[in-house]
Amino acid sequence: MPKKKTSKKQENSLTGKSTAKAYQPGTDVSILGLREAIIEALFEADYDTFRGCIAILLDKQNYQDITDETGLSKSTLYRMSEPESNPTLENVCKVLSYINNLQELEAA
């Protein structure tokens, strides 16, 4: 069976261009900063920032602690950070309550 010919066009189109790097959460993200970013994103209806903040929270904290405190399932938490998600107000409030509790623990 002869080899299938492919176009070199796509291969050449990437030469010299930078590619996106995978997101790596920083260790310098504070819970207070995350809380403020979530609240500001909600007031400005910036849902992409909100989803990003939820993703950072899941990267920074142990999801088991979050599920225990909020009563939300792991899949619900991860769905909240997906691009097409539309979390309920109740779930958003549970996450904000969790962040407030974390902030109080850090302050103590």
C-alpha atoms as a PDB file:
ATOM      1  CA  MET A   1       0.000   0.000   0.000  1.00  0.00           C
ATOM      2  CA  PRO A   2       1.594   3.311  -1.037  1.00  0.00           C
ATOM      3  CA  LYS A   3       2.134   6.056   1.525  1.00  0.00           C
ATOM      4  CA  LYS A   4      -0.453   8.779   1.650  1.00  0.00           C
ATOM      5  CA  LYS A   5       0.896  12.150   0.579  1.00  0.00           C
ATOM      6  CA  THR A   6       0.423  14.972   3.037  1.00  0.00           C
ATOM      7  CA  SER A   7       0.776  18.664   2.582  1.00  0.00           C
ATOM      8  CA  LYS A   8       3.820  20.421   4.045  1.00  0.00           C
ATOM      9  CA  LYS A   9       1.827  23.644   4.279  1.00  0.00           C
ATOM     10  CA  GLN A  10       0.731  23.178   7.909  1.00  0.00           C
ATOM     11  CA  GLU A  11       4.221  22.162   9.031  1.00  0.00           C
ATOM     12  CA  ASN A  12       5.751  25.259   7.451  1.00  0.00           C
ATOM     13  CA  SER A  13       3.099  27.601   8.848  1.00  0.00           C
ATOM     14  CA  LEU A  14       4.353  27.079  12.421  1.00  0.00           C
ATOM     15  CA  THR A  15       8.012  27.866  11.824  1.00  0.00           C
ATOM     16  CA  GLY A  16       9.193  30.897  13.725  1.00  0.00           C
ATOM     17  CA  LYS A  17       5.950  31.358  15.652  1.00  0.00           C
ATOM     18  CA  SER A  18       5.659  30.923  19.367  1.00  0.00           C
ATOM     19  CA  THR A  19       3.195  28.407  20.707  1.00  0.00           C
ATOM     20  CA  ALA A  20       1.034  28.659  23.798  1.00  0.00           C
ATOM     21  CA  LYS A  21       2.408  27.116  26.963  1.00  0.00           C
ATOM     22  CA  ALA A  22       0.422  25.061  29.403  1.00  0.00           C
ATOM     23  CA  TYR A  23      -0.873  26.986  32.407  1.00  0.00           C
ATOM     24  CA  GLN A  24       1.079  26.429  35.593  1.00  0.00           C
ATOM     25  CA  PRO A  25      -0.497  27.917  38.715  1.00  0.00           C
ATOM     26  CA  GLY A  26       1.787  30.135  40.720  1.00  0.00           C
ATOM     27  CA  THR A  27       2.559  29.542  44.345  1.00  0.00           C
ATOM     28  CA  ASP A  28       2.184  33.226  45.143  1.00  0.00           C
ATOM     29  CA  VAL A  29      -1.613  33.267  44.726  1.00  0.00           C
ATOM     30  CA  SER A  30      -3.179  34.239  48.029  1.00  0.00           C
ATOM     31  CA  ILE A  31      -6.636  33.216  49.116  1.00  0.00           C
ATOM     32  CA  LEU A  32      -7.501  36.878  49.727  1.00  0.00           C
ATOM     33  CA  GLY A  33      -6.424  37.803  46.195  1.00  0.00           C
ATOM     34  CA  LEU A  34      -8.370  34.895  44.761  1.00  0.00           C
ATOM     35  CA  ARG A  35     -11.476  35.894  46.707  1.00  0.00           C
ATOM     36  CA  GLU A  36     -11.227  39.494  45.523  1.00  0.00           C
ATOM     37  CA  ALA A  37     -10.699  38.375  41.913  1.00  0.00           C
ATOM     38  CA  ILE A  38     -13.785  36.135  42.059  1.00  0.00           C
ATOM     39  CA  ILE A  39     -15.963  38.869  43.543  1.00  0.00           C
ATOM     40  CA  GLU A  40     -14.734  41.457  41.036  1.00  0.00           C
ATOM     41  CA  ALA A  41     -15.280  39.031  38.147  1.00  0.00           C
ATOM     42  CA  LEU A  42     -18.846  38.388  39.290  1.00  0.00           C
ATOM     43  CA  PHE A  43     -19.644  42.104  39.638  1.00  0.00           C
ATOM     44  CA  GLU A  44     -18.238  42.807  36.174  1.00  0.00           C
ATOM     45  CA  ALA A  45     -19.898  39.705  34.647  1.00  0.00           C
ATOM     46  CA  ASP A  46     -16.451  38.444  33.613  1.00  0.00           C
ATOM     47  CA  TYR A  47     -17.248  34.756  33.616  1.00  0.00           C
ATOM     48  CA  ASP A  48     -13.958  33.695  32.026  1.00  0.00           C
ATOM     49  CA  THR A  49     -12.014  35.200  34.929  1.00  0.00           C
ATOM     50  CA  PHE A  50     -14.405  33.569  37.390  1.00  0.00           C
ATOM     51  CA  ARG A  51     -13.865  30.157  35.792  1.00  0.00           C
ATOM     52  CA  GLY A  52     -10.115  30.740  35.824  1.00  0.00           C
ATOM     53  CA  CYS A  53     -10.210  31.592  39.524  1.00  0.00           C
ATOM     54  CA  ILE A  54     -12.147  28.408  40.261  1.00  0.00           C
ATOM     55  CA  ALA A  55      -9.524  26.433  38.314  1.00  0.00           C
ATOM     56  CA  ILE A  56      -6.748  28.105  40.343  1.00  0.00           C
ATOM     57  CA  LEU A  57      -8.583  27.278  43.573  1.00  0.00           C
ATOM     58  CA  LEU A  58      -8.827  23.623  42.526  1.00  0.00           C
ATOM     59  CA  ASP A  59      -5.116  23.606  41.658  1.00  0.00           C
ATOM     60  CA  LYS A  60      -4.081  25.329  44.869  1.00  0.00           C
ATOM     61  CA  GLN A  61      -6.289  23.513  47.390  1.00  0.00           C
ATOM     62  CA  ASN A  62      -7.031  19.848  47.945  1.00  0.00           C
ATOM     63  CA  TYR A  63     -10.335  19.185  46.187  1.00  0.00           C
ATOM     64  CA  GLN A  64     -11.317  16.735  48.932  1.00  0.00           C
ATOM     65  CA  ASP A  65     -11.259  19.585  51.467  1.00  0.00           C
ATOM     66  CA  ILE A  66     -13.377  21.714  49.144  1.00  0.00           C
ATOM     67  CA  THR A  67     -15.941  18.945  48.598  1.00  0.00           C
ATOM     68  CA  ASP A  68     -16.154  18.267  52.337  1.00  0.00           C
ATOM     69  CA  GLU A  69     -16.684  21.949  53.193  1.00  0.00           C
ATOM     70  CA  THR A  70     -19.012  22.938  50.351  1.00  0.00           C
ATOM     71  CA  GLY A  71     -20.996  19.740  49.885  1.00  0.00           C
ATOM     72  CA  LEU A  72     -20.343  19.962  46.129  1.00  0.00           C
ATOM     73  CA  SER A  73     -19.111  16.952  44.210  1.00  0.00           C
ATOM     74  CA  LYS A  74     -15.720  16.846  42.533  1.00  0.00           C
ATOM     75  CA  SER A  75     -17.341  16.782  39.094  1.00  0.00           C
ATOM     76  CA  THR A  76     -19.463  19.850  39.914  1.00  0.00           C
ATOM     77  CA  LEU A  77     -16.380  21.768  41.005  1.00  0.00           C
ATOM     78  CA  TYR A  78     -14.467  20.884  37.854  1.00  0.00           C
ATOM     79  CA  ARG A  79     -17.482  21.629  35.658  1.00  0.00           C
ATOM     80  CA  MET A  80     -17.632  25.114  37.202  1.00  0.00           C
ATOM     81  CA  SER A  81     -14.222  25.865  35.694  1.00  0.00           C
ATOM     82  CA  GLU A  82     -15.051  24.665  32.187  1.00  0.00           C
ATOM     83  CA  PRO A  83     -15.457  27.294  29.416  1.00  0.00           C
ATOM     84  CA  GLU A  84     -19.161  26.638  28.767  1.00  0.00           C
ATOM     85  CA  SER A  85     -20.203  26.211  32.395  1.00  0.00           C
ATOM     86  CA  ASN A  86     -23.062  28.080  33.969  1.00  0.00           C
ATOM     87  CA  PRO A  87     -22.871  27.430  37.726  1.00  0.00           C
ATOM     88  CA  THR A  88     -25.833  28.140  39.934  1.00  0.00           C
ATOM     89  CA  LEU A  89     -25.778  31.012  42.376  1.00  0.00           C
ATOM     90  CA  GLU A  90     -26.020  28.506  45.208  1.00  0.00           C
ATOM     91  CA  ASN A  91     -22.816  26.755  44.073  1.00  0.00           C
ATOM     92  CA  VAL A  92     -20.991  30.069  43.609  1.00  0.00           C
ATOM     93  CA  CYS A  93     -21.986  31.088  47.143  1.00  0.00           C
ATOM     94  CA  LYS A  94     -20.757  27.778  48.548  1.00  0.00           C
ATOM     95  CA  VAL A  95     -17.348  28.298  46.931  1.00  0.00           C
ATOM     96  CA  LEU A  96     -17.156  31.897  48.197  1.00  0.00           C
ATOM     97  CA  SER A  97     -18.106  30.711  51.689  1.00  0.00           C
ATOM     98  CA  TYR A  98     -15.308  28.140  51.519  1.00  0.00           C
ATOM     99  CA  ILE A  99     -12.823  30.841  50.502  1.00  0.00           C
ATOM    100  CA  ASN A 100     -14.010  33.090  53.348  1.00  0.00           C
ATOM    101  CA  ASN A 101     -13.445  30.233  55.812  1.00  0.00           C
ATOM    102  CA  LEU A 102      -9.941  29.674  54.418  1.00  0.00           C
ATOM    103  CA  GLN A 103      -9.168  33.358  54.739  1.00  0.00           C
ATOM    104  CA  GLU A 104     -10.270  33.347  58.377  1.00  0.00           C
ATOM    105  CA  LEU A 105      -8.031  30.341  59.057  1.00  0.00           C
ATOM    106  CA  GLU A 106      -5.038  32.093  57.436  1.00  0.00           C
ATOM    107  CA  ALA A 107      -5.647  35.227  59.501  1.00  0.00           C
ATOM    108  CA  ALA A 108      -5.802  33.259  62.775  1.00  0.00           C
END
